[in-house]
Amino acid sequence: MLSDRLDRQLEGRQLLVEGKVVSLPEKFTTVMRFDLQVDRLADATGKNYQAPDTIRLNWYRTYPELRPGEYWR
C-alpha cells in the first residue's frame, strides 16, 4: 500500500485530477472527504503523470453536493 502513493516530485504543485467519485462523501463542518478513482493526473502544462488508482481528497470550506458515480475534474 505504501508504494501506491503520489510521486513526491508532485507534492505542493497545482494539479489537474479527473475521475469518478467512488465513496460516500464524509461531510464535516468545513471539509468534505471522499475517494476518487483517478482517470487522469496532469500538471498545468498538460503533462500527464502516473497516479494511484484511487486517491482520498478533501474539499475545504464551501463544497458542492457529491454523489458516488459522479465524474469530476
PDB file of N, CA and C in Angstrom:
ATOM      1  N   MET A   1       0.821  -1.204   0.000  1.00  0.00           N
ATOM      2  CA  MET A   1       0.000   0.000   0.000  1.00  0.00           C
ATOM      3  C   MET A   1       0.862   1.265   0.000  1.00  0.00           C
ATOM      4  N   LEU A   2       1.981   1.268   0.724  1.00  0.00           N
ATOM      5  CA  LEU A   2       2.799   2.465   0.798  1.00  0.00           C
ATOM      6  C   LEU A   2       3.405   2.831  -0.544  1.00  0.00           C
ATOM      7  N   SER A   3       3.625   1.847  -1.413  1.00  0.00           N
ATOM      8  CA  SER A   3       4.203   2.142  -2.723  1.00  0.00           C
ATOM      9  C   SER A   3       3.173   2.761  -3.673  1.00  0.00           C
ATOM     10  N   ASP A   4       1.900   2.724  -3.314  1.00  0.00           N
ATOM     11  CA  ASP A   4       0.833   3.274  -4.151  1.00  0.00           C
ATOM     12  C   ASP A   4       0.499   4.693  -3.693  1.00  0.00           C
ATOM     13  N   ARG A   5       1.500   5.567  -3.787  1.00  0.00           N
ATOM     14  CA  ARG A   5       1.359   6.951  -3.359  1.00  0.00           C
ATOM     15  C   ARG A   5       1.681   7.892  -4.503  1.00  0.00           C
ATOM     16  N   LEU A   6       1.270   9.144  -4.338  1.00  0.00           N
ATOM     17  CA  LEU A   6       1.594  10.184  -5.298  1.00  0.00           C
ATOM     18  C   LEU A   6       3.099  10.429  -5.290  1.00  0.00           C
ATOM     19  N   ASP A   7       3.686  10.590  -6.455  1.00  0.00           N
ATOM     20  CA  ASP A   7       5.118  10.846  -6.591  1.00  0.00           C
ATOM     21  C   ASP A   7       5.490  12.116  -5.810  1.00  0.00           C
ATOM     22  N   ARG A   8       6.546  12.038  -5.028  1.00  0.00           N
ATOM     23  CA  ARG A   8       6.983  13.171  -4.189  1.00  0.00           C
ATOM     24  C   ARG A   8       7.288  14.429  -5.006  1.00  0.00           C
ATOM     25  N   GLN A   9       7.716  14.287  -6.252  1.00  0.00           N
ATOM     26  CA  GLN A   9       8.021  15.459  -7.082  1.00  0.00           C
ATOM     27  C   GLN A   9       6.774  16.305  -7.362  1.00  0.00           C
ATOM     28  N   LEU A  10       5.583  15.730  -7.156  1.00  0.00           N
ATOM     29  CA  LEU A  10       4.337  16.449  -7.411  1.00  0.00           C
ATOM     30  C   LEU A  10       3.778  17.139  -6.168  1.00  0.00           C
ATOM     31  N   GLU A  11       4.355  16.885  -5.004  1.00  0.00           N
ATOM     32  CA  GLU A  11       3.869  17.487  -3.769  1.00  0.00           C
ATOM     33  C   GLU A  11       4.001  19.001  -3.829  1.00  0.00           C
ATOM     34  N   GLY A  12       2.972  19.702  -3.387  1.00  0.00           N
ATOM     35  CA  GLY A  12       2.992  21.155  -3.349  1.00  0.00           C
ATOM     36  C   GLY A  12       2.711  21.827  -4.677  1.00  0.00           C
ATOM     37  N   ARG A  13       2.469  21.056  -5.719  1.00  0.00           N
ATOM     38  CA  ARG A  13       2.189  21.612  -7.042  1.00  0.00           C
ATOM     39  C   ARG A  13       0.690  21.572  -7.314  1.00  0.00           C
ATOM     40  N   GLN A  14       0.232  22.526  -8.109  1.00  0.00           N
ATOM     41  CA  GLN A  14      -1.164  22.543  -8.517  1.00  0.00           C
ATOM     42  C   GLN A  14      -1.342  21.531  -9.639  1.00  0.00           C
ATOM     43  N   LEU A  15      -2.303  20.615  -9.476  1.00  0.00           N
ATOM     44  CA  LEU A  15      -2.508  19.536 -10.431  1.00  0.00           C
ATOM     45  C   LEU A  15      -3.960  19.466 -10.877  1.00  0.00           C
ATOM     46  N   LEU A  16      -4.159  18.944 -12.069  1.00  0.00           N
ATOM     47  CA  LEU A  16      -5.491  18.658 -12.588  1.00  0.00           C
ATOM     48  C   LEU A  16      -5.753  17.176 -12.360  1.00  0.00           C
ATOM     49  N   VAL A  17      -6.864  16.878 -11.718  1.00  0.00           N
ATOM     50  CA  VAL A  17      -7.236  15.488 -11.462  1.00  0.00           C
ATOM     51  C   VAL A  17      -8.633  15.266 -12.022  1.00  0.00           C
ATOM     52  N   GLU A  18      -8.812  14.200 -12.781  1.00  0.00           N
ATOM     53  CA  GLU A  18     -10.120  13.821 -13.307  1.00  0.00           C
ATOM     54  C   GLU A  18     -10.419  12.410 -12.847  1.00  0.00           C
ATOM     55  N   GLY A  19     -11.671  12.170 -12.467  1.00  0.00           N
ATOM     56  CA  GLY A  19     -12.025  10.823 -12.064  1.00  0.00           C
ATOM     57  C   GLY A  19     -13.435  10.713 -11.542  1.00  0.00           C
ATOM     58  N   LYS A  20     -13.754   9.523 -11.058  1.00  0.00           N
ATOM     59  CA  LYS A  20     -15.099   9.194 -10.592  1.00  0.00           C
ATOM     60  C   LYS A  20     -15.121   9.067  -9.074  1.00  0.00           C
ATOM     61  N   VAL A  21     -16.125   9.668  -8.450  1.00  0.00           N
ATOM     62  CA  VAL A  21     -16.319   9.553  -7.008  1.00  0.00           C
ATOM     63  C   VAL A  21     -16.725   8.108  -6.720  1.00  0.00           C
ATOM     64  N   VAL A  22     -15.941   7.429  -5.855  1.00  0.00           N
ATOM     65  CA  VAL A  22     -16.191   6.009  -5.602  1.00  0.00           C
ATOM     66  C   VAL A  22     -16.475   5.700  -4.131  1.00  0.00           C
ATOM     67  N   SER A  23     -16.759   6.724  -3.346  1.00  0.00           N
ATOM     68  CA  SER A  23     -17.119   6.501  -1.945  1.00  0.00           C
ATOM     69  C   SER A  23     -18.248   7.448  -1.567  1.00  0.00           C
ATOM     70  N   LEU A  24     -18.863   7.166  -0.445  1.00  0.00           N
ATOM     71  CA  LEU A  24     -19.830   8.113   0.095  1.00  0.00           C
ATOM     72  C   LEU A  24     -19.051   9.276   0.697  1.00  0.00           C
ATOM     73  N   PRO A  25     -19.328  10.505   0.279  1.00  0.00           N
ATOM     74  CA  PRO A  25     -18.619  11.648   0.847  1.00  0.00           C
ATOM     75  C   PRO A  25     -18.922  11.778   2.343  1.00  0.00           C
ATOM     76  N   GLU A  26     -17.861  12.040   3.118  1.00  0.00           N
ATOM     77  CA  GLU A  26     -17.999  12.284   4.551  1.00  0.00           C
ATOM     78  C   GLU A  26     -17.984  13.792   4.747  1.00  0.00           C
ATOM     79  N   LYS A  27     -19.073  14.331   5.310  1.00  0.00           N
ATOM     80  CA  LYS A  27     -19.196  15.781   5.463  1.00  0.00           C
ATOM     81  C   LYS A  27     -18.972  16.172   6.918  1.00  0.00           C
ATOM     82  N   PHE A  28     -18.143  17.216   7.084  1.00  0.00           N
ATOM     83  CA  PHE A  28     -17.879  17.805   8.386  1.00  0.00           C
ATOM     84  C   PHE A  28     -18.179  19.297   8.275  1.00  0.00           C
ATOM     85  N   THR A  29     -17.959  20.057   9.302  1.00  0.00           N
ATOM     86  CA  THR A  29     -18.305  21.472   9.298  1.00  0.00           C
ATOM     87  C   THR A  29     -17.645  22.247   8.170  1.00  0.00           C
ATOM     88  N   THR A  30     -16.342  22.097   7.999  1.00  0.00           N
ATOM     89  CA  THR A  30     -15.631  22.887   6.987  1.00  0.00           C
ATOM     90  C   THR A  30     -14.903  22.044   5.952  1.00  0.00           C
ATOM     91  N   VAL A  31     -15.162  20.746   5.939  1.00  0.00           N
ATOM     92  CA  VAL A  31     -14.455  19.889   4.981  1.00  0.00           C
ATOM     93  C   VAL A  31     -15.331  18.707   4.584  1.00  0.00           C
ATOM     94  N   MET A  32     -15.152  18.263   3.354  1.00  0.00           N
ATOM     95  CA  MET A  32     -15.784  17.039   2.871  1.00  0.00           C
ATOM     96  C   MET A  32     -14.662  16.141   2.369  1.00  0.00           C
ATOM     97  N   ARG A  33     -14.725  14.872   2.727  1.00  0.00           N
ATOM     98  CA  ARG A  33     -13.698  13.894   2.346  1.00  0.00           C
ATOM     99  C   ARG A  33     -14.358  12.832   1.471  1.00  0.00           C
ATOM    100  N   PHE A  34     -13.645  12.423   0.395  1.00  0.00           N
ATOM    101  CA  PHE A  34     -14.181  11.388  -0.497  1.00  0.00           C
ATOM    102  C   PHE A  34     -13.041  10.719  -1.251  1.00  0.00           C
ATOM    103  N   ASP A  35     -13.325   9.545  -1.807  1.00  0.00           N
ATOM    104  CA  ASP A  35     -12.352   8.804  -2.612  1.00  0.00           C
ATOM    105  C   ASP A  35     -12.686   8.989  -4.084  1.00  0.00           C
ATOM    106  N   LEU A  36     -11.643   9.177  -4.883  1.00  0.00           N
ATOM    107  CA  LEU A  36     -11.795   9.399  -6.318  1.00  0.00           C
ATOM    108  C   LEU A  36     -10.973   8.359  -7.064  1.00  0.00           C
ATOM    109  N   GLN A  37     -11.616   7.668  -8.004  1.00  0.00           N
ATOM    110  CA  GLN A  37     -10.905   6.745  -8.895  1.00  0.00           C
ATOM    111  C   GLN A  37     -10.309   7.593 -10.006  1.00  0.00           C
ATOM    112  N   VAL A  38      -8.988   7.659 -10.073  1.00  0.00           N
ATOM    113  CA  VAL A  38      -8.291   8.593 -10.955  1.00  0.00           C
ATOM    114  C   VAL A  38      -8.248   8.078 -12.395  1.00  0.00           C
ATOM    115  N   ASP A  39      -8.710   8.928 -13.323  1.00  0.00           N
ATOM    116  CA  ASP A  39      -8.603   8.642 -14.753  1.00  0.00           C
ATOM    117  C   ASP A  39      -7.450   9.430 -15.372  1.00  0.00           C
ATOM    118  N   ARG A  40      -7.171  10.613 -14.799  1.00  0.00           N
ATOM    119  CA  ARG A  40      -6.100  11.454 -15.355  1.00  0.00           C
ATOM    120  C   ARG A  40      -5.526  12.337 -14.255  1.00  0.00           C
ATOM    121  N   LEU A  41      -4.212  12.489 -14.279  1.00  0.00           N
ATOM    122  CA  LEU A  41      -3.493  13.390 -13.385  1.00  0.00           C
ATOM    123  C   LEU A  41      -2.500  14.155 -14.239  1.00  0.00           C
ATOM    124  N   ALA A  42      -2.591  15.483 -14.266  1.00  0.00           N
ATOM    125  CA  ALA A  42      -1.732  16.296 -15.118  1.00  0.00           C
ATOM    126  C   ALA A  42      -1.314  17.565 -14.394  1.00  0.00           C
ATOM    127  N   ASP A  43      -0.228  18.184 -14.880  1.00  0.00           N
ATOM    128  CA  ASP A  43       0.194  19.464 -14.322  1.00  0.00           C
ATOM    129  C   ASP A  43      -0.364  20.593 -15.190  1.00  0.00           C
ATOM    130  N   ALA A  44       0.015  21.833 -14.875  1.00  0.00           N
ATOM    131  CA  ALA A  44      -0.518  22.999 -15.578  1.00  0.00           C
ATOM    132  C   ALA A  44      -0.138  23.028 -17.056  1.00  0.00           C
ATOM    133  N   THR A  45       0.950  22.335 -17.434  1.00  0.00           N
ATOM    134  CA  THR A  45       1.363  22.312 -18.837  1.00  0.00           C
ATOM    135  C   THR A  45       0.638  21.234 -19.635  1.00  0.00           C
ATOM    136  N   GLY A  46      -0.114  20.387 -18.934  1.00  0.00           N
ATOM    137  CA  GLY A  46      -0.823  19.303 -19.603  1.00  0.00           C
ATOM    138  C   GLY A  46      -0.078  17.984 -19.592  1.00  0.00           C
ATOM    139  N   LYS A  47       1.107  17.970 -18.980  1.00  0.00           N
ATOM    140  CA  LYS A  47       1.877  16.733 -18.898  1.00  0.00           C
ATOM    141  C   LYS A  47       1.187  15.768 -17.939  1.00  0.00           C
ATOM    142  N   ASN A  48       0.946  14.554 -18.414  1.00  0.00           N
ATOM    143  CA  ASN A  48       0.283  13.539 -17.600  1.00  0.00           C
ATOM    144  C   ASN A  48       1.267  12.805 -16.711  1.00  0.00           C
ATOM    145  N   TYR A  49       0.784  12.370 -15.546  1.00  0.00           N
ATOM    146  CA  TYR A  49       1.598  11.642 -14.583  1.00  0.00           C
ATOM    147  C   TYR A  49       0.874  10.377 -14.153  1.00  0.00           C
ATOM    148  N   GLN A  50       1.662   9.414 -13.712  1.00  0.00           N
ATOM    149  CA  GLN A  50       1.120   8.185 -13.142  1.00  0.00           C
ATOM    150  C   GLN A  50       0.525   8.524 -11.772  1.00  0.00           C
ATOM    151  N   ALA A  51      -0.639   7.990 -11.489  1.00  0.00           N
ATOM    152  CA  ALA A  51      -1.300   8.246 -10.208  1.00  0.00           C
ATOM    153  C   ALA A  51      -1.774   6.929  -9.614  1.00  0.00           C
ATOM    154  N   PRO A  52      -1.956   6.902  -8.303  1.00  0.00           N
ATOM    155  CA  PRO A  52      -2.585   5.724  -7.706  1.00  0.00           C
ATOM    156  C   PRO A  52      -3.977   5.538  -8.322  1.00  0.00           C
ATOM    157  N   ASP A  53      -4.484   4.319  -8.306  1.00  0.00           N
ATOM    158  CA  ASP A  53      -5.815   4.064  -8.873  1.00  0.00           C
ATOM    159  C   ASP A  53      -6.890   4.885  -8.177  1.00  0.00           C
ATOM    160  N   THR A  54      -6.779   4.996  -6.868  1.00  0.00           N
ATOM    161  CA  THR A  54      -7.762   5.732  -6.069  1.00  0.00           C
ATOM    162  C   THR A  54      -7.028   6.648  -5.104  1.00  0.00           C
ATOM    163  N   ILE A  55      -7.544   7.878  -4.966  1.00  0.00           N
ATOM    164  CA  ILE A  55      -6.964   8.821  -4.010  1.00  0.00           C
ATOM    165  C   ILE A  55      -8.074   9.361  -3.108  1.00  0.00           C
ATOM    166  N   ARG A  56      -7.692   9.751  -1.906  1.00  0.00           N
ATOM    167  CA  ARG A  56      -8.632  10.395  -0.978  1.00  0.00           C
ATOM    168  C   ARG A  56      -8.408  11.894  -1.073  1.00  0.00           C
ATOM    169  N   LEU A  57      -9.494  12.617  -1.312  1.00  0.00           N
ATOM    170  CA  LEU A  57      -9.437  14.065  -1.439  1.00  0.00           C
ATOM    171  C   LEU A  57     -10.225  14.729  -0.320  1.00  0.00           C
ATOM    172  N   ASN A  58      -9.793  15.917   0.042  1.00  0.00           N
ATOM    173  CA  ASN A  58     -10.504  16.762   0.996  1.00  0.00           C
ATOM    174  C   ASN A  58     -10.866  18.062   0.302  1.00  0.00           C
ATOM    175  N   TRP A  59     -12.136  18.455   0.384  1.00  0.00           N
ATOM    176  CA  TRP A  59     -12.609  19.698  -0.206  1.00  0.00           C
ATOM    177  C   TRP A  59     -12.946  20.609   0.964  1.00  0.00           C
ATOM    178  N   TYR A  60     -12.243  21.746   1.077  1.00  0.00           N
ATOM    179  CA  TYR A  60     -12.373  22.628   2.222  1.00  0.00           C
ATOM    180  C   TYR A  60     -13.332  23.787   1.964  1.00  0.00           C
ATOM    181  N   ARG A  61     -13.854  24.308   3.058  1.00  0.00           N
ATOM    182  CA  ARG A  61     -14.775  25.448   3.114  1.00  0.00           C
ATOM    183  C   ARG A  61     -16.096  25.120   2.435  1.00  0.00           C
ATOM    184  N   THR A  62     -16.427  25.848   1.376  1.00  0.00           N
ATOM    185  CA  THR A  62     -17.695  25.625   0.671  1.00  0.00           C
ATOM    186  C   THR A  62     -17.502  24.523  -0.351  1.00  0.00           C
ATOM    187  N   TYR A  63     -18.330  23.499  -0.273  1.00  0.00           N
ATOM    188  CA  TYR A  63     -18.191  22.381  -1.205  1.00  0.00           C
ATOM    189  C   TYR A  63     -19.551  22.019  -1.787  1.00  0.00           C
ATOM    190  N   PRO A  64     -19.543  21.458  -3.001  1.00  0.00           N
ATOM    191  CA  PRO A  64     -20.797  21.069  -3.652  1.00  0.00           C
ATOM    192  C   PRO A  64     -21.296  19.729  -3.110  1.00  0.00           C
ATOM    193  N   GLU A  65     -22.484  19.364  -3.497  1.00  0.00           N
ATOM    194  CA  GLU A  65     -23.021  18.039  -3.183  1.00  0.00           C
ATOM    195  C   GLU A  65     -22.378  17.044  -4.151  1.00  0.00           C
ATOM    196  N   LEU A  66     -21.707  16.054  -3.631  1.00  0.00           N
ATOM    197  CA  LEU A  66     -21.111  14.999  -4.448  1.00  0.00           C
ATOM    198  C   LEU A  66     -21.874  13.708  -4.221  1.00  0.00           C
ATOM    199  N   ARG A  67     -21.958  12.902  -5.258  1.00  0.00           N
ATOM    200  CA  ARG A  67     -22.607  11.596  -5.150  1.00  0.00           C
ATOM    201  C   ARG A  67     -21.703  10.525  -5.773  1.00  0.00           C
ATOM    202  N   PRO A  68     -21.691   9.335  -5.184  1.00  0.00           N
ATOM    203  CA  PRO A  68     -20.912   8.249  -5.785  1.00  0.00           C
ATOM    204  C   PRO A  68     -21.317   8.034  -7.237  1.00  0.00           C
ATOM    205  N   GLY A  69     -20.329   7.822  -8.082  1.00  0.00           N
ATOM    206  CA  GLY A  69     -20.581   7.603  -9.501  1.00  0.00           C
ATOM    207  C   GLY A  69     -20.430   8.846 -10.359  1.00  0.00           C
ATOM    208  N   GLU A  70     -20.424  10.022  -9.729  1.00  0.00           N
ATOM    209  CA  GLU A  70     -20.258  11.252 -10.493  1.00  0.00           C
ATOM    210  C   GLU A  70     -18.812  11.390 -10.960  1.00  0.00           C
ATOM    211  N   TYR A  71     -18.637  12.034 -12.102  1.00  0.00           N
ATOM    212  CA  TYR A  71     -17.318  12.276 -12.680  1.00  0.00           C
ATOM    213  C   TYR A  71     -16.963  13.736 -12.450  1.00  0.00           C
ATOM    214  N   TRP A  72     -15.784  13.989 -11.881  1.00  0.00           N
ATOM    215  CA  TRP A  72     -15.362  15.353 -11.560  1.00  0.00           C
ATOM    216  C   TRP A  72     -13.973  15.652 -12.096  1.00  0.00           C
ATOM    217  N   ARG A  73     -13.735  16.919 -12.348  1.00  0.00           N
ATOM    218  CA  ARG A  73     -12.411  17.427 -12.745  1.00  0.00           C
ATOM    219  C   ARG A  73     -12.038  18.503 -11.741  1.00  0.00           C
TER     220      ARG A  73
END
